[in-house]
Amino acid sequence: MRIADILDNLDLFQGQFTYQELETLGRYMTFRTAVKREVIFHEGDPGNYMLILVEGRMEVSKSGDGGLHLLSYEGAGRVLGEMALLDREPRSATCVAAVDCDLLTLNDDSMTQMAEEYPGIAYKLIFLLAKLLSRRLRRTSGLLADFLN
């Protein structure tokens, strides 16, 4: 299956890009698999790519109190590692394949190249990621407020 077809079937991209734009975006992405229990990245690792979980399930954990604490399980269609792609800061969490997974990755060199060659598509992707991060921040703020009350 072509990467554009994979992207076209993900809810995240529905109505955001034309199929032709997805074909272009797909040329900058890489498809890979991860086996169950494979560490995709560790908290604190240098970050230079994001991933889209096409199929499977990931465990997202954060260190604290001498161990790892499970934050969430993420399923198909979820974007992980997008903060590192945008700000090139160390990973904020550890991500492990809970089952065998299919992934799409986009690294910062490819993102930069796409921004130079197809700035409109790069803009749409960055705007999509900004909306995604905004939703996550709002949800986290709500959880924090509930915890403090």
Protein backbone atom coordinates (compact mmCIF):
# COMPACT_ATOMS: atom_id res chain seq x y z
CA MET A 1 0.00 0.00 0.00
CA ARG A 2 1.26 3.49 -0.82
CA ILE A 3 1.94 5.95 2.00
CA ALA A 4 -0.59 8.38 0.52
CA ASP A 5 -3.27 5.68 0.78
CA ILE A 6 -2.33 5.04 4.41
CA LEU A 7 -2.52 8.76 5.23
CA ASP A 8 -5.80 9.10 3.37
CA ASN A 9 -7.34 6.40 5.58
CA LEU A 10 -6.32 8.07 8.86
CA ASP A 11 -8.95 10.25 10.57
CA LEU A 12 -6.25 12.81 11.41
CA PHE A 13 -5.80 13.69 7.74
CA GLN A 14 -9.45 13.52 6.66
CA GLY A 15 -10.44 16.80 5.01
CA GLN A 16 -7.08 18.41 5.76
CA PHE A 17 -5.14 17.57 2.58
CA THR A 18 -5.98 16.72 -1.00
CA TYR A 19 -4.92 13.29 -2.20
CA GLN A 20 -2.23 14.93 -4.33
CA GLU A 21 -0.88 16.70 -1.22
CA LEU A 22 -0.87 13.38 0.65
CA GLU A 23 1.14 11.86 -2.20
CA THR A 24 3.68 14.65 -1.84
CA LEU A 25 3.75 14.38 1.96
CA GLY A 26 4.19 10.62 1.66
CA ARG A 27 7.37 11.05 -0.37
CA TYR A 28 9.01 12.61 2.70
CA MET A 29 7.88 9.87 5.09
CA THR A 30 9.22 6.40 5.76
CA PHE A 31 7.22 3.27 6.53
CA ARG A 32 8.64 0.89 9.13
CA THR A 33 7.54 -1.85 11.46
CA ALA A 34 8.24 -2.30 15.16
CA VAL A 35 8.07 -5.61 16.98
CA LYS A 36 6.34 -6.12 20.30
CA ARG A 37 8.37 -4.63 23.22
CA GLU A 38 10.64 -2.65 20.87
CA VAL A 39 11.61 0.68 22.39
CA ILE A 40 10.87 3.33 19.79
CA PHE A 41 12.50 6.09 21.83
CA HIS A 42 13.50 6.74 25.43
CA GLU A 43 12.63 9.79 27.49
CA GLY A 44 15.59 12.16 27.26
CA ASP A 45 16.83 10.82 23.91
CA PRO A 46 17.61 13.43 21.26
CA GLY A 47 14.53 13.84 19.11
CA ASN A 48 14.53 14.47 15.39
CA TYR A 49 11.45 12.69 14.08
CA MET A 50 7.78 12.09 14.71
CA LEU A 51 5.79 8.98 14.01
CA ILE A 52 2.25 8.14 13.07
CA LEU A 53 1.00 4.84 14.43
CA VAL A 54 -0.69 3.19 11.46
CA GLU A 55 -1.51 -0.11 13.11
CA GLY A 56 -0.86 -1.51 16.56
CA ARG A 57 -0.60 -0.06 20.03
CA MET A 58 2.10 1.88 21.87
CA GLU A 59 2.80 2.36 25.57
CA VAL A 60 3.82 5.88 26.54
CA SER A 61 5.64 6.17 29.87
CA LYS A 62 7.42 8.84 31.87
CA SER A 63 10.08 8.41 34.55
CA GLY A 64 9.51 9.48 38.12
CA ASP A 65 9.93 8.21 41.67
CA GLY A 66 12.64 5.79 40.59
CA GLY A 67 10.73 4.06 37.80
CA LEU A 68 8.65 4.35 34.68
CA HIS A 69 4.99 5.27 35.01
CA LEU A 70 2.57 4.35 32.24
CA LEU A 71 0.84 7.47 30.94
CA SER A 72 -1.24 5.99 28.16
CA TYR A 73 -1.77 3.42 25.48
CA GLU A 74 -1.96 4.94 22.03
CA GLY A 75 -3.66 3.28 19.07
CA ALA A 76 -3.81 3.56 15.32
CA GLY A 77 -3.91 7.08 13.95
CA ARG A 78 -2.05 8.64 16.87
CA VAL A 79 0.91 10.96 16.33
CA LEU A 80 3.84 10.54 18.70
CA GLY A 81 7.08 12.48 19.00
CA GLU A 82 5.77 15.56 17.21
CA MET A 83 7.17 17.92 19.85
CA ALA A 84 10.72 16.72 19.12
CA LEU A 85 10.18 17.21 15.40
CA LEU A 86 9.09 20.80 15.97
CA ASP A 87 11.50 21.91 18.71
CA ARG A 88 14.37 19.37 18.48
CA GLU A 89 14.36 19.03 22.26
CA PRO A 90 14.95 15.70 24.04
CA ARG A 91 12.08 13.22 24.13
CA SER A 92 9.58 13.95 26.88
CA ALA A 93 8.49 10.31 27.31
CA THR A 94 9.41 6.72 26.48
CA CYS A 95 7.49 4.97 23.72
CA VAL A 96 7.39 1.16 23.46
CA ALA A 97 5.50 -1.06 21.02
CA ALA A 98 2.89 -2.96 23.06
CA VAL A 99 2.25 -5.20 20.05
CA ASP A 100 3.74 -5.45 16.56
CA CYS A 101 3.20 -2.04 14.93
CA ASP A 102 3.26 -0.34 11.55
CA LEU A 103 4.61 3.21 11.65
CA LEU A 104 5.16 6.18 9.41
CA THR A 105 8.03 8.46 10.36
CA LEU A 106 8.95 11.98 9.34
CA ASN A 107 12.37 13.29 10.35
CA ASP A 108 13.48 16.89 10.69
CA ASP A 109 15.69 16.82 7.57
CA SER A 110 12.75 15.64 5.46
CA MET A 111 10.48 18.21 7.11
CA THR A 112 12.96 20.98 6.30
CA GLN A 113 13.29 19.78 2.71
CA MET A 114 9.51 19.63 2.33
CA ALA A 115 9.19 23.15 3.75
CA GLU A 116 11.64 24.40 1.12
CA GLU A 117 10.10 22.49 -1.79
CA TYR A 118 6.40 22.50 -0.80
CA PRO A 119 5.90 25.24 1.80
CA GLY A 120 2.11 25.07 1.56
CA ILE A 121 2.01 21.38 2.46
CA ALA A 122 4.54 21.86 5.27
CA TYR A 123 2.45 24.75 6.61
CA LYS A 124 -0.69 22.60 6.61
CA LEU A 125 1.13 19.81 8.45
CA ILE A 126 2.59 22.19 11.05
CA PHE A 127 -0.84 23.77 11.55
CA LEU A 128 -2.36 20.30 11.99
CA LEU A 129 0.31 19.44 14.57
CA ALA A 130 -0.29 22.76 16.37
CA LYS A 131 -4.01 21.95 16.66
CA LEU A 132 -3.16 18.47 17.92
CA LEU A 133 -0.78 19.86 20.55
CA SER A 134 -3.35 22.47 21.58
CA ARG A 135 -5.98 19.77 22.16
CA ARG A 136 -3.53 17.72 24.21
CA LEU A 137 -2.53 20.74 26.29
CA ARG A 138 -6.18 21.60 26.98
CA ARG A 139 -6.87 18.01 28.05
CA THR A 140 -3.79 17.96 30.29
CA SER A 141 -4.73 21.31 31.83
CA GLY A 142 -8.19 19.94 32.58
CA LEU A 143 -6.72 16.83 34.22
CA LEU A 144 -4.38 18.99 36.30
CA ALA A 145 -7.26 21.22 37.40
CA ASP A 146 -9.28 18.14 38.39
CA PHE A 147 -6.31 16.77 40.32
CA LEU A 148 -5.79 20.04 42.19
CA ASN A 149 -9.47 20.27 43.15
